[in-house]
Amino acid sequence: MVNKKRLLIATVFGVLSGIVCWILASCEGPQPWYFAVSTIISRTLIGFAVGISILKIQWWLHGIIIGFLFSIPMALQGFYVPGREAFILVGTIVMGIIYGFFIELFTTVVFKAGAK
């Protein structure tokens, strides 16, 4: 059974991570609206996955794994930017791992909404 408190907290922190990610990505100049939507949804999905996952592993490793796995599709968008493919691919995955870790940290440790 899904812990509703955990799902809500993780998803909210996923949305916040998406907004932060979009703001950081926009530092190089304005981005199209669909980039913002894609970025926010991608990071929200990490939070949602953290909230519904039933994996029985350490919280920090759980966040890292979910962040890694759910960042791969977004990272592949980097191939649309000639000359920066590797930077965007690796950067997106690394940041996804970091966001996954922090989403799990806030959900499990700070708000004490661990998986049951």
PDB file of N, CA and C in Angstrom:
ATOM      1  N   MET A   1       0.838  -1.184   0.000  1.00  0.00           N
ATOM      2  CA  MET A   1       0.000   0.000   0.000  1.00  0.00           C
ATOM      3  C   MET A   1       0.882   1.247   0.000  1.00  0.00           C
ATOM      4  N   VAL A   2       0.458   2.236  -0.750  1.00  0.00           N
ATOM      5  CA  VAL A   2       1.238   3.462  -0.895  1.00  0.00           C
ATOM      6  C   VAL A   2       1.035   4.366   0.314  1.00  0.00           C
ATOM      7  N   ASN A   3       2.141   4.876   0.834  1.00  0.00           N
ATOM      8  CA  ASN A   3       2.113   5.840   1.919  1.00  0.00           C
ATOM      9  C   ASN A   3       1.785   7.205   1.300  1.00  0.00           C
ATOM     10  N   LYS A   4       0.566   7.703   1.538  1.00  0.00           N
ATOM     11  CA  LYS A   4       0.113   8.938   0.881  1.00  0.00           C
ATOM     12  C   LYS A   4       0.953  10.151   1.284  1.00  0.00           C
ATOM     13  N   LYS A   5       1.362  10.201   2.550  1.00  0.00           N
ATOM     14  CA  LYS A   5       2.200  11.314   3.008  1.00  0.00           C
ATOM     15  C   LYS A   5       3.532  11.303   2.255  1.00  0.00           C
ATOM     16  N   ARG A   6       4.122  10.125   2.131  1.00  0.00           N
ATOM     17  CA  ARG A   6       5.400   9.985   1.422  1.00  0.00           C
ATOM     18  C   ARG A   6       5.250  10.384  -0.040  1.00  0.00           C
ATOM     19  N   LEU A   7       4.182   9.926  -0.676  1.00  0.00           N
ATOM     20  CA  LEU A   7       3.944  10.238  -2.082  1.00  0.00           C
ATOM     21  C   LEU A   7       3.788  11.737  -2.290  1.00  0.00           C
ATOM     22  N   LEU A   8       3.031  12.387  -1.426  1.00  0.00           N
ATOM     23  CA  LEU A   8       2.804  13.832  -1.546  1.00  0.00           C
ATOM     24  C   LEU A   8       4.101  14.615  -1.340  1.00  0.00           C
ATOM     25  N   ILE A   9       4.832  14.302  -0.283  1.00  0.00           N
ATOM     26  CA  ILE A   9       6.069  15.027   0.018  1.00  0.00           C
ATOM     27  C   ILE A   9       7.094  14.837  -1.103  1.00  0.00           C
ATOM     28  N   ALA A  10       7.282  13.605  -1.546  1.00  0.00           N
ATOM     29  CA  ALA A  10       8.268  13.332  -2.595  1.00  0.00           C
ATOM     30  C   ALA A  10       7.884  14.024  -3.898  1.00  0.00           C
ATOM     31  N   THR A  11       6.597  14.011  -4.242  1.00  0.00           N
ATOM     32  CA  THR A  11       6.165  14.651  -5.482  1.00  0.00           C
ATOM     33  C   THR A  11       6.329  16.166  -5.405  1.00  0.00           C
ATOM     34  N   VAL A  12       5.992  16.765  -4.275  1.00  0.00           N
ATOM     35  CA  VAL A  12       6.168  18.212  -4.110  1.00  0.00           C
ATOM     36  C   VAL A  12       7.644  18.580  -4.238  1.00  0.00           C
ATOM     37  N   PHE A  13       8.521  17.790  -3.638  1.00  0.00           N
ATOM     38  CA  PHE A  13       9.951  18.082  -3.765  1.00  0.00           C
ATOM     39  C   PHE A  13      10.454  17.803  -5.186  1.00  0.00           C
ATOM     40  N   GLY A  14       9.802  16.899  -5.886  1.00  0.00           N
ATOM     41  CA  GLY A  14      10.121  16.699  -7.298  1.00  0.00           C
ATOM     42  C   GLY A  14       9.777  17.935  -8.119  1.00  0.00           C
ATOM     43  N   VAL A  15       8.604  18.526  -7.853  1.00  0.00           N
ATOM     44  CA  VAL A  15       8.209  19.762  -8.551  1.00  0.00           C
ATOM     45  C   VAL A  15       9.209  20.871  -8.242  1.00  0.00           C
ATOM     46  N   LEU A  16       9.555  21.032  -6.975  1.00  0.00           N
ATOM     47  CA  LEU A  16      10.522  22.067  -6.591  1.00  0.00           C
ATOM     48  C   LEU A  16      11.877  21.824  -7.267  1.00  0.00           C
ATOM     49  N   SER A  17      12.291  20.565  -7.342  1.00  0.00           N
ATOM     50  CA  SER A  17      13.550  20.238  -8.035  1.00  0.00           C
ATOM     51  C   SER A  17      13.461  20.602  -9.507  1.00  0.00           C
ATOM     52  N   GLY A  18      12.316  20.357 -10.110  1.00  0.00           N
ATOM     53  CA  GLY A  18      12.117  20.716 -11.513  1.00  0.00           C
ATOM     54  C   GLY A  18      12.219  22.208 -11.748  1.00  0.00           C
ATOM     55  N   ILE A  19      11.649  22.975 -10.844  1.00  0.00           N
ATOM     56  CA  ILE A  19      11.708  24.437 -10.964  1.00  0.00           C
ATOM     57  C   ILE A  19      13.148  24.919 -10.805  1.00  0.00           C
ATOM     58  N   VAL A  20      13.853  24.376  -9.823  1.00  0.00           N
ATOM     59  CA  VAL A  20      15.261  24.739  -9.627  1.00  0.00           C
ATOM     60  C   VAL A  20      16.084  24.346 -10.852  1.00  0.00           C
ATOM     61  N   CYS A  21      15.849  23.151 -11.370  1.00  0.00           N
ATOM     62  CA  CYS A  21      16.580  22.677 -12.546  1.00  0.00           C
ATOM     63  C   CYS A  21      16.330  23.591 -13.744  1.00  0.00           C
ATOM     64  N   TRP A  22      15.093  23.971 -13.954  1.00  0.00           N
ATOM     65  CA  TRP A  22      14.741  24.860 -15.064  1.00  0.00           C
ATOM     66  C   TRP A  22      15.413  26.230 -14.910  1.00  0.00           C
ATOM     67  N   ILE A  23      15.397  26.775 -13.688  1.00  0.00           N
ATOM     68  CA  ILE A  23      16.030  28.072 -13.436  1.00  0.00           C
ATOM     69  C   ILE A  23      17.539  27.986 -13.712  1.00  0.00           C
ATOM     70  N   LEU A  24      18.177  26.915 -13.243  1.00  0.00           N
ATOM     71  CA  LEU A  24      19.608  26.750 -13.481  1.00  0.00           C
ATOM     72  C   LEU A  24      19.913  26.596 -14.977  1.00  0.00           C
ATOM     73  N   ALA A  25      19.064  25.865 -15.678  1.00  0.00           N
ATOM     74  CA  ALA A  25      19.271  25.672 -17.119  1.00  0.00           C
ATOM     75  C   ALA A  25      19.016  26.959 -17.896  1.00  0.00           C
ATOM     76  N   SER A  26      18.202  27.848 -17.350  1.00  0.00           N
ATOM     77  CA  SER A  26      17.871  29.100 -18.032  1.00  0.00           C
ATOM     78  C   SER A  26      18.921  30.177 -17.828  1.00  0.00           C
ATOM     79  N   CYS A  27      19.950  29.893 -17.053  1.00  0.00           N
ATOM     80  CA  CYS A  27      20.995  30.887 -16.797  1.00  0.00           C
ATOM     81  C   CYS A  27      21.731  31.289 -18.072  1.00  0.00           C
ATOM     82  N   GLU A  28      21.736  30.411 -19.057  1.00  0.00           N
ATOM     83  CA  GLU A  28      22.431  30.709 -20.308  1.00  0.00           C
ATOM     84  C   GLU A  28      21.548  31.479 -21.279  1.00  0.00           C
ATOM     85  N   GLY A  29      20.358  31.793 -20.883  1.00  0.00           N
ATOM     86  CA  GLY A  29      19.456  32.542 -21.747  1.00  0.00           C
ATOM     87  C   GLY A  29      18.066  31.941 -21.724  1.00  0.00           C
ATOM     88  N   PRO A  30      17.129  32.629 -22.323  1.00  0.00           N
ATOM     89  CA  PRO A  30      15.746  32.148 -22.300  1.00  0.00           C
ATOM     90  C   PRO A  30      15.603  30.782 -22.989  1.00  0.00           C
ATOM     91  N   GLN A  31      14.748  29.987 -22.428  1.00  0.00           N
ATOM     92  CA  GLN A  31      14.468  28.662 -22.967  1.00  0.00           C
ATOM     93  C   GLN A  31      13.024  28.636 -23.470  1.00  0.00           C
ATOM     94  N   PRO A  32      12.721  27.800 -24.464  1.00  0.00           N
ATOM     95  CA  PRO A  32      11.337  27.696 -24.924  1.00  0.00           C
ATOM     96  C   PRO A  32      10.433  27.133 -23.826  1.00  0.00           C
ATOM     97  N   TRP A  33       9.168  27.459 -23.879  1.00  0.00           N
ATOM     98  CA  TRP A  33       8.217  27.031 -22.847  1.00  0.00           C
ATOM     99  C   TRP A  33       8.189  25.511 -22.704  1.00  0.00           C
ATOM    100  N   TYR A  34       8.314  24.792 -23.811  1.00  0.00           N
ATOM    101  CA  TYR A  34       8.252  23.335 -23.741  1.00  0.00           C
ATOM    102  C   TYR A  34       9.466  22.750 -23.036  1.00  0.00           C
ATOM    103  N   PHE A  35      10.589  23.468 -23.046  1.00  0.00           N
ATOM    104  CA  PHE A  35      11.754  23.022 -22.291  1.00  0.00           C
ATOM    105  C   PHE A  35      11.461  23.110 -20.792  1.00  0.00           C
ATOM    106  N   ALA A  36      10.832  24.203 -20.382  1.00  0.00           N
ATOM    107  CA  ALA A  36      10.469  24.370 -18.970  1.00  0.00           C
ATOM    108  C   ALA A  36       9.510  23.270 -18.532  1.00  0.00           C
ATOM    109  N   VAL A  37       8.497  23.016 -19.338  1.00  0.00           N
ATOM    110  CA  VAL A  37       7.508  21.997 -18.997  1.00  0.00           C
ATOM    111  C   VAL A  37       8.170  20.619 -18.923  1.00  0.00           C
ATOM    112  N   SER A  38       8.985  20.291 -19.894  1.00  0.00           N
ATOM    113  CA  SER A  38       9.677  19.006 -19.925  1.00  0.00           C
ATOM    114  C   SER A  38      10.585  18.827 -18.712  1.00  0.00           C
ATOM    115  N   THR A  39      11.313  19.870 -18.367  1.00  0.00           N
ATOM    116  CA  THR A  39      12.232  19.808 -17.230  1.00  0.00           C
ATOM    117  C   THR A  39      11.477  19.617 -15.923  1.00  0.00           C
ATOM    118  N   ILE A  40      10.441  20.382 -15.719  1.00  0.00           N
ATOM    119  CA  ILE A  40       9.673  20.285 -14.471  1.00  0.00           C
ATOM    120  C   ILE A  40       8.985  18.925 -14.365  1.00  0.00           C
ATOM    121  N   ILE A  41       8.406  18.447 -15.455  1.00  0.00           N
ATOM    122  CA  ILE A  41       7.748  17.139 -15.428  1.00  0.00           C
ATOM    123  C   ILE A  41       8.760  16.024 -15.184  1.00  0.00           C
ATOM    124  N   SER A  42       9.921  16.111 -15.802  1.00  0.00           N
ATOM    125  CA  SER A  42      10.950  15.085 -15.626  1.00  0.00           C
ATOM    126  C   SER A  42      11.376  14.966 -14.166  1.00  0.00           C
ATOM    127  N   ARG A  43      11.630  16.095 -13.533  1.00  0.00           N
ATOM    128  CA  ARG A  43      12.059  16.060 -12.125  1.00  0.00           C
ATOM    129  C   ARG A  43      10.897  15.708 -11.191  1.00  0.00           C
ATOM    130  N   THR A  44       9.687  16.101 -11.560  1.00  0.00           N
ATOM    131  CA  THR A  44       8.512  15.711 -10.777  1.00  0.00           C
ATOM    132  C   THR A  44       8.346  14.194 -10.817  1.00  0.00           C
ATOM    133  N   LEU A  45       8.624  13.610 -11.956  1.00  0.00           N
ATOM    134  CA  LEU A  45       8.536  12.163 -12.095  1.00  0.00           C
ATOM    135  C   LEU A  45       9.515  11.451 -11.168  1.00  0.00           C
ATOM    136  N   ILE A  46      10.685  12.027 -10.966  1.00  0.00           N
ATOM    137  CA  ILE A  46      11.629  11.447 -10.002  1.00  0.00           C
ATOM    138  C   ILE A  46      10.987  11.428  -8.615  1.00  0.00           C
ATOM    139  N   GLY A  47      10.401  12.552  -8.216  1.00  0.00           N
ATOM    140  CA  GLY A  47       9.748  12.615  -6.905  1.00  0.00           C
ATOM    141  C   GLY A  47       8.606  11.622  -6.789  1.00  0.00           C
ATOM    142  N   PHE A  48       7.781  11.537  -7.830  1.00  0.00           N
ATOM    143  CA  PHE A  48       6.663  10.599  -7.818  1.00  0.00           C
ATOM    144  C   PHE A  48       7.168   9.159  -7.696  1.00  0.00           C
ATOM    145  N   ALA A  49       8.223   8.827  -8.449  1.00  0.00           N
ATOM    146  CA  ALA A  49       8.784   7.473  -8.396  1.00  0.00           C
ATOM    147  C   ALA A  49       9.359   7.159  -7.016  1.00  0.00           C
ATOM    148  N   VAL A  50      10.018   8.133  -6.404  1.00  0.00           N
ATOM    149  CA  VAL A  50      10.517   7.948  -5.043  1.00  0.00           C
ATOM    150  C   VAL A  50       9.346   7.670  -4.102  1.00  0.00           C
ATOM    151  N   GLY A  51       8.261   8.410  -4.283  1.00  0.00           N
ATOM    152  CA  GLY A  51       7.096   8.263  -3.405  1.00  0.00           C
ATOM    153  C   GLY A  51       6.378   6.935  -3.527  1.00  0.00           C
ATOM    154  N   ILE A  52       6.351   6.345  -4.722  1.00  0.00           N
ATOM    155  CA  ILE A  52       5.608   5.090  -4.893  1.00  0.00           C
ATOM    156  C   ILE A  52       6.488   3.844  -4.860  1.00  0.00           C
ATOM    157  N   SER A  53       7.797   4.025  -4.911  1.00  0.00           N
ATOM    158  CA  SER A  53       8.698   2.879  -4.961  1.00  0.00           C
ATOM    159  C   SER A  53       8.612   2.044  -3.690  1.00  0.00           C
ATOM    160  N   ILE A  54       8.713   0.733  -3.880  1.00  0.00           N
ATOM    161  CA  ILE A  54       8.672  -0.184  -2.732  1.00  0.00           C
ATOM    162  C   ILE A  54      10.008  -0.903  -2.528  1.00  0.00           C
ATOM    163  N   LEU A  55      11.052  -0.387  -3.180  1.00  0.00           N
ATOM    164  CA  LEU A  55      12.367  -0.998  -3.012  1.00  0.00           C
ATOM    165  C   LEU A  55      12.805  -0.916  -1.557  1.00  0.00           C
ATOM    166  N   LYS A  56      13.341  -1.979  -1.038  1.00  0.00           N
ATOM    167  CA  LYS A  56      13.787  -2.044   0.357  1.00  0.00           C
ATOM    168  C   LYS A  56      15.311  -1.908   0.412  1.00  0.00           C
ATOM    169  N   ILE A  57      15.792  -0.691   0.186  1.00  0.00           N
ATOM    170  CA  ILE A  57      17.228  -0.411   0.258  1.00  0.00           C
ATOM    171  C   ILE A  57      17.425   0.871   1.062  1.00  0.00           C
ATOM    172  N   GLN A  58      18.666   1.187   1.354  1.00  0.00           N
ATOM    173  CA  GLN A  58      18.970   2.408   2.108  1.00  0.00           C
ATOM    174  C   GLN A  58      18.376   3.615   1.398  1.00  0.00           C
ATOM    175  N   TRP A  59      17.864   4.580   2.175  1.00  0.00           N
ATOM    176  CA  TRP A  59      17.170   5.729   1.587  1.00  0.00           C
ATOM    177  C   TRP A  59      18.051   6.485   0.612  1.00  0.00           C
ATOM    178  N   TRP A  60      19.325   6.696   0.943  1.00  0.00           N
ATOM    179  CA  TRP A  60      20.213   7.486   0.084  1.00  0.00           C
ATOM    180  C   TRP A  60      20.486   6.780  -1.240  1.00  0.00           C
ATOM    181  N   LEU A  61      20.649   5.443  -1.197  1.00  0.00           N
ATOM    182  CA  LEU A  61      20.872   4.680  -2.414  1.00  0.00           C
ATOM    183  C   LEU A  61      19.601   4.640  -3.264  1.00  0.00           C
ATOM    184  N   HIS A  62      18.480   4.565  -2.608  1.00  0.00           N
ATOM    185  CA  HIS A  62      17.183   4.571  -3.301  1.00  0.00           C
ATOM    186  C   HIS A  62      17.028   5.858  -4.112  1.00  0.00           C
ATOM    187  N   GLY A  63      17.308   6.997  -3.498  1.00  0.00           N
ATOM    188  CA  GLY A  63      17.200   8.277  -4.195  1.00  0.00           C
ATOM    189  C   GLY A  63      18.162   8.375  -5.366  1.00  0.00           C
ATOM    190  N   ILE A  64      19.370   7.883  -5.181  1.00  0.00           N
ATOM    191  CA  ILE A  64      20.379   7.912  -6.247  1.00  0.00           C
ATOM    192  C   ILE A  64      19.937   7.053  -7.433  1.00  0.00           C
ATOM    193  N   ILE A  65      19.460   5.849  -7.158  1.00  0.00           N
ATOM    194  CA  ILE A  65      19.040   4.948  -8.233  1.00  0.00           C
ATOM    195  C   ILE A  65      17.854   5.511  -8.997  1.00  0.00           C
ATOM    196  N   ILE A  66      16.843   5.985  -8.282  1.00  0.00           N
ATOM    197  CA  ILE A  66      15.656   6.550  -8.938  1.00  0.00           C
ATOM    198  C   ILE A  66      16.054   7.788  -9.744  1.00  0.00           C
ATOM    199  N   GLY A  67      16.864   8.659  -9.162  1.00  0.00           N
ATOM    200  CA  GLY A  67      17.318   9.857  -9.868  1.00  0.00           C
ATOM    201  C   GLY A  67      18.070   9.524 -11.142  1.00  0.00           C
ATOM    202  N   PHE A  68      18.926   8.520 -11.070  1.00  0.00           N
ATOM    203  CA  PHE A  68      19.681   8.094 -12.246  1.00  0.00           C
ATOM    204  C   PHE A  68      18.756   7.556 -13.338  1.00  0.00           C
ATOM    205  N   LEU A  69      17.922   6.601 -12.967  1.00  0.00           N
ATOM    206  CA  LEU A  69      17.061   5.943 -13.959  1.00  0.00           C
ATOM    207  C   LEU A  69      16.102   6.914 -14.649  1.00  0.00           C
ATOM    208  N   PHE A  70      15.501   7.804 -13.867  1.00  0.00           N
ATOM    209  CA  PHE A  70      14.491   8.690 -14.432  1.00  0.00           C
ATOM    210  C   PHE A  70      15.092   9.934 -15.092  1.00  0.00           C
ATOM    211  N   SER A  71      16.408  10.083 -15.041  1.00  0.00           N
ATOM    212  CA  SER A  71      17.065  11.187 -15.741  1.00  0.00           C
ATOM    213  C   SER A  71      17.542  10.801 -17.134  1.00  0.00           C
ATOM    214  N   ILE A  72      17.629   9.521 -17.391  1.00  0.00           N
ATOM    215  CA  ILE A  72      18.141   9.072 -18.687  1.00  0.00           C
ATOM    216  C   ILE A  72      17.325   9.622 -19.862  1.00  0.00           C
ATOM    217  N   PRO A  73      15.981   9.532 -19.854  1.00  0.00           N
ATOM    218  CA  PRO A  73      15.247  10.069 -21.016  1.00  0.00           C
ATOM    219  C   PRO A  73      15.495  11.562 -21.247  1.00  0.00           C
ATOM    220  N   MET A  74      15.526  12.348 -20.175  1.00  0.00           N
ATOM    221  CA  MET A  74      15.764  13.777 -20.318  1.00  0.00           C
ATOM    222  C   MET A  74      17.188  14.043 -20.805  1.00  0.00           C
ATOM    223  N   ALA A  75      18.125  13.228 -20.355  1.00  0.00           N
ATOM    224  CA  ALA A  75      19.526  13.407 -20.752  1.00  0.00           C
ATOM    225  C   ALA A  75      19.718  13.189 -22.248  1.00  0.00           C
ATOM    226  N   LEU A  76      18.932  12.333 -22.835  1.00  0.00           N
ATOM    227  CA  LEU A  76      19.068  12.055 -24.263  1.00  0.00           C
ATOM    228  C   LEU A  76      18.696  13.259 -25.118  1.00  0.00           C
ATOM    229  N   GLN A  77      17.988  14.219 -24.551  1.00  0.00           N
ATOM    230  CA  GLN A  77      17.674  15.442 -25.288  1.00  0.00           C
ATOM    231  C   GLN A  77      18.935  16.232 -25.612  1.00  0.00           C
ATOM    232  N   GLY A  78      20.002  15.967 -24.904  1.00  0.00           N
ATOM    233  CA  GLY A  78      21.260  16.664 -25.142  1.00  0.00           C
ATOM    234  C   GLY A  78      21.809  16.452 -26.538  1.00  0.00           C
ATOM    235  N   PHE A  79      21.379  15.406 -27.196  1.00  0.00           N
ATOM    236  CA  PHE A  79      21.862  15.145 -28.553  1.00  0.00           C
ATOM    237  C   PHE A  79      21.317  16.145 -29.565  1.00  0.00           C
ATOM    238  N   TYR A  80      20.383  16.977 -29.145  1.00  0.00           N
ATOM    239  CA  TYR A  80      19.850  18.017 -30.024  1.00  0.00           C
ATOM    240  C   TYR A  80      20.687  19.291 -29.985  1.00  0.00           C
ATOM    241  N   VAL A  81      21.709  19.322 -29.147  1.00  0.00           N
ATOM    242  CA  VAL A  81      22.542  20.509 -29.017  1.00  0.00           C
ATOM    243  C   VAL A  81      23.936  20.181 -29.554  1.00  0.00           C
ATOM    244  N   PRO A  82      24.188  20.491 -30.797  1.00  0.00           N
ATOM    245  CA  PRO A  82      25.474  20.142 -31.407  1.00  0.00           C
ATOM    246  C   PRO A  82      26.670  20.734 -30.642  1.00  0.00           C
ATOM    247  N   GLY A  83      27.662  19.894 -30.417  1.00  0.00           N
ATOM    248  CA  GLY A  83      28.876  20.344 -29.757  1.00  0.00           C
ATOM    249  C   GLY A  83      28.837  20.251 -28.246  1.00  0.00           C
ATOM    250  N   ARG A  84      27.658  20.034 -27.660  1.00  0.00           N
ATOM    251  CA  ARG A  84      27.551  19.974 -26.193  1.00  0.00           C
ATOM    252  C   ARG A  84      26.859  18.698 -25.735  1.00  0.00           C
ATOM    253  N   GLU A  85      26.782  17.713 -26.622  1.00  0.00           N
ATOM    254  CA  GLU A  85      26.036  16.494 -26.330  1.00  0.00           C
ATOM    255  C   GLU A  85      26.488  15.818 -25.040  1.00  0.00           C
ATOM    256  N   ALA A  86      27.790  15.578 -24.917  1.00  0.00           N
ATOM    257  CA  ALA A  86      28.320  14.863 -23.756  1.00  0.00           C
ATOM    258  C   ALA A  86      28.108  15.664 -22.474  1.00  0.00           C
ATOM    259  N   PHE A  87      28.329  16.970 -22.537  1.00  0.00           N
ATOM    260  CA  PHE A  87      28.151  17.818 -21.356  1.00  0.00           C
ATOM    261  C   PHE A  87      26.709  17.758 -20.857  1.00  0.00           C
ATOM    262  N   ILE A  88      25.760  17.891 -21.761  1.00  0.00           N
ATOM    263  CA  ILE A  88      24.349  17.884 -21.368  1.00  0.00           C
ATOM    264  C   ILE A  88      23.929  16.494 -20.897  1.00  0.00           C
ATOM    265  N   LEU A  89      24.368  15.451 -21.590  1.00  0.00           N
ATOM    266  CA  LEU A  89      24.035  14.080 -21.209  1.00  0.00           C
ATOM    267  C   LEU A  89      24.515  13.774 -19.795  1.00  0.00           C
ATOM    268  N   VAL A  90      25.788  13.981 -19.553  1.00  0.00           N
ATOM    269  CA  VAL A  90      26.367  13.680 -18.241  1.00  0.00           C
ATOM    270  C   VAL A  90      25.820  14.624 -17.170  1.00  0.00           C
ATOM    271  N   GLY A  91      25.736  15.904 -17.477  1.00  0.00           N
ATOM    272  CA  GLY A  91      25.229  16.880 -16.508  1.00  0.00           C
ATOM    273  C   GLY A  91      23.803  16.592 -16.071  1.00  0.00           C
ATOM    274  N   THR A  92      22.958  16.215 -17.018  1.00  0.00           N
ATOM    275  CA  THR A  92      21.562  15.917 -16.696  1.00  0.00           C
ATOM    276  C   THR A  92      21.459  14.696 -15.800  1.00  0.00           C
ATOM    277  N   ILE A  93      22.239  13.679 -16.083  1.00  0.00           N
ATOM    278  CA  ILE A  93      22.205  12.471 -15.255  1.00  0.00           C
ATOM    279  C   ILE A  93      22.777  12.740 -13.868  1.00  0.00           C
ATOM    280  N   VAL A  94      23.882  13.459 -13.798  1.00  0.00           N
ATOM    281  CA  VAL A  94      24.477  13.782 -12.488  1.00  0.00           C
ATOM    282  C   VAL A  94      23.502  14.620 -11.651  1.00  0.00           C
ATOM    283  N   MET A  95      22.895  15.617 -12.275  1.00  0.00           N
ATOM    284  CA  MET A  95      21.934  16.440 -11.527  1.00  0.00           C
ATOM    285  C   MET A  95      20.708  15.623 -11.123  1.00  0.00           C
ATOM    286  N   GLY A  96      20.288  14.678 -11.961  1.00  0.00           N
ATOM    287  CA  GLY A  96      19.175  13.801 -11.599  1.00  0.00           C
ATOM    288  C   GLY A  96      19.501  12.962 -10.375  1.00  0.00           C
ATOM    289  N   ILE A  97      20.730  12.487 -10.311  1.00  0.00           N
ATOM    290  CA  ILE A  97      21.170  11.726  -9.134  1.00  0.00           C
ATOM    291  C   ILE A  97      21.128  12.616  -7.896  1.00  0.00           C
ATOM    292  N   ILE A  98      21.598  13.837  -8.029  1.00  0.00           N
ATOM    293  CA  ILE A  98      21.591  14.779  -6.902  1.00  0.00           C
ATOM    294  C   ILE A  98      20.159  15.101  -6.481  1.00  0.00           C
ATOM    295  N   TYR A  99      19.281  15.398  -7.450  1.00  0.00           N
ATOM    296  CA  TYR A  99      17.881  15.687  -7.114  1.00  0.00           C
ATOM    297  C   TYR A  99      17.218  14.481  -6.466  1.00  0.00           C
ATOM    298  N   GLY A 100      17.475  13.277  -6.988  1.00  0.00           N
ATOM    299  CA  GLY A 100      16.904  12.069  -6.398  1.00  0.00           C
ATOM    300  C   GLY A 100      17.353  11.890  -4.956  1.00  0.00           C
ATOM    301  N   PHE A 101      18.636  12.131  -4.706  1.00  0.00           N
ATOM    302  CA  PHE A 101      19.167  12.038  -3.345  1.00  0.00           C
ATOM    303  C   PHE A 101      18.474  13.033  -2.419  1.00  0.00           C
ATOM    304  N   PHE A 102      18.366  14.301  -2.866  1.00  0.00           N
ATOM    305  CA  PHE A 102      17.753  15.316  -2.005  1.00  0.00           C
ATOM    306  C   PHE A 102      16.252  15.110  -1.827  1.00  0.00           C
ATOM    307  N   ILE A 103      15.569  14.639  -2.850  1.00  0.00           N
ATOM    308  CA  ILE A 103      14.141  14.337  -2.691  1.00  0.00           C
ATOM    309  C   ILE A 103      13.969  13.262  -1.632  1.00  0.00           C
ATOM    310  N   GLU A 104      14.770  12.218  -1.710  1.00  0.00           N
ATOM    311  CA  GLU A 104      14.691  11.135  -0.723  1.00  0.00           C
ATOM    312  C   GLU A 104      15.129  11.619   0.656  1.00  0.00           C
ATOM    313  N   LEU A 105      16.136  12.448   0.732  1.00  0.00           N
ATOM    314  CA  LEU A 105      16.592  13.003   2.011  1.00  0.00           C
ATOM    315  C   LEU A 105      15.463  13.764   2.703  1.00  0.00           C
ATOM    316  N   PHE A 106      14.842  14.685   1.981  1.00  0.00           N
ATOM    317  CA  PHE A 106      13.772  15.470   2.592  1.00  0.00           C
ATOM    318  C   PHE A 106      12.562  14.606   2.927  1.00  0.00           C
ATOM    319  N   THR A 107      12.244  13.666   2.055  1.00  0.00           N
ATOM    320  CA  THR A 107      11.073  12.822   2.291  1.00  0.00           C
ATOM    321  C   THR A 107      11.271  11.888   3.477  1.00  0.00           C
ATOM    322  N   THR A 108      12.389  11.184   3.499  1.00  0.00           N
ATOM    323  CA  THR A 108      12.609  10.139   4.510  1.00  0.00           C
ATOM    324  C   THR A 108      13.197  10.681   5.807  1.00  0.00           C
ATOM    325  N   VAL A 109      14.197  11.531   5.715  1.00  0.00           N
ATOM    326  CA  VAL A 109      14.916  11.968   6.910  1.00  0.00           C
ATOM    327  C   VAL A 109      14.267  13.199   7.545  1.00  0.00           C
ATOM    328  N   VAL A 110      14.053  14.243   6.752  1.00  0.00           N
ATOM    329  CA  VAL A 110      13.530  15.498   7.301  1.00  0.00           C
ATOM    330  C   VAL A 110      12.057  15.356   7.701  1.00  0.00           C
ATOM    331  N   PHE A 111      11.229  14.840   6.770  1.00  0.00           N
ATOM    332  CA  PHE A 111       9.792  14.741   7.045  1.00  0.00           C
ATOM    333  C   PHE A 111       9.381  13.381   7.598  1.00  0.00           C
ATOM    334  N   LYS A 112      10.333  12.490   7.772  1.00  0.00           N
ATOM    335  CA  LYS A 112      10.124  11.171   8.383  1.00  0.00           C
ATOM    336  C   LYS A 112       8.966  10.407   7.740  1.00  0.00           C
ATOM    337  N   ALA A 113       8.942  10.426   6.421  1.00  0.00           N
ATOM    338  CA  ALA A 113       7.920   9.700   5.668  1.00  0.00           C
ATOM    339  C   ALA A 113       8.576   8.557   4.915  1.00  0.00           C
ATOM    340  N   GLY A 114       9.168   7.646   5.659  1.00  0.00           N
ATOM    341  CA  GLY A 114       9.857   6.518   5.036  1.00  0.00           C
ATOM    342  C   GLY A 114       8.887   5.520   4.438  1.00  0.00           C
ATOM    343  N   ALA A 115       9.409   4.665   3.586  1.00  0.00           N
ATOM    344  CA  ALA A 115       8.591   3.621   2.959  1.00  0.00           C
ATOM    345  C   ALA A 115       8.167   2.616   4.025  1.00  0.00           C
ATOM    346  N   LYS A 116       6.960   2.130   3.910  1.00  0.00           N
ATOM    347  CA  LYS A 116       6.447   1.157   4.892  1.00  0.00           C
ATOM    348  C   LYS A 116       6.541  -0.234   4.351  1.00  0.00           C
TER     349      LYS A 116
END
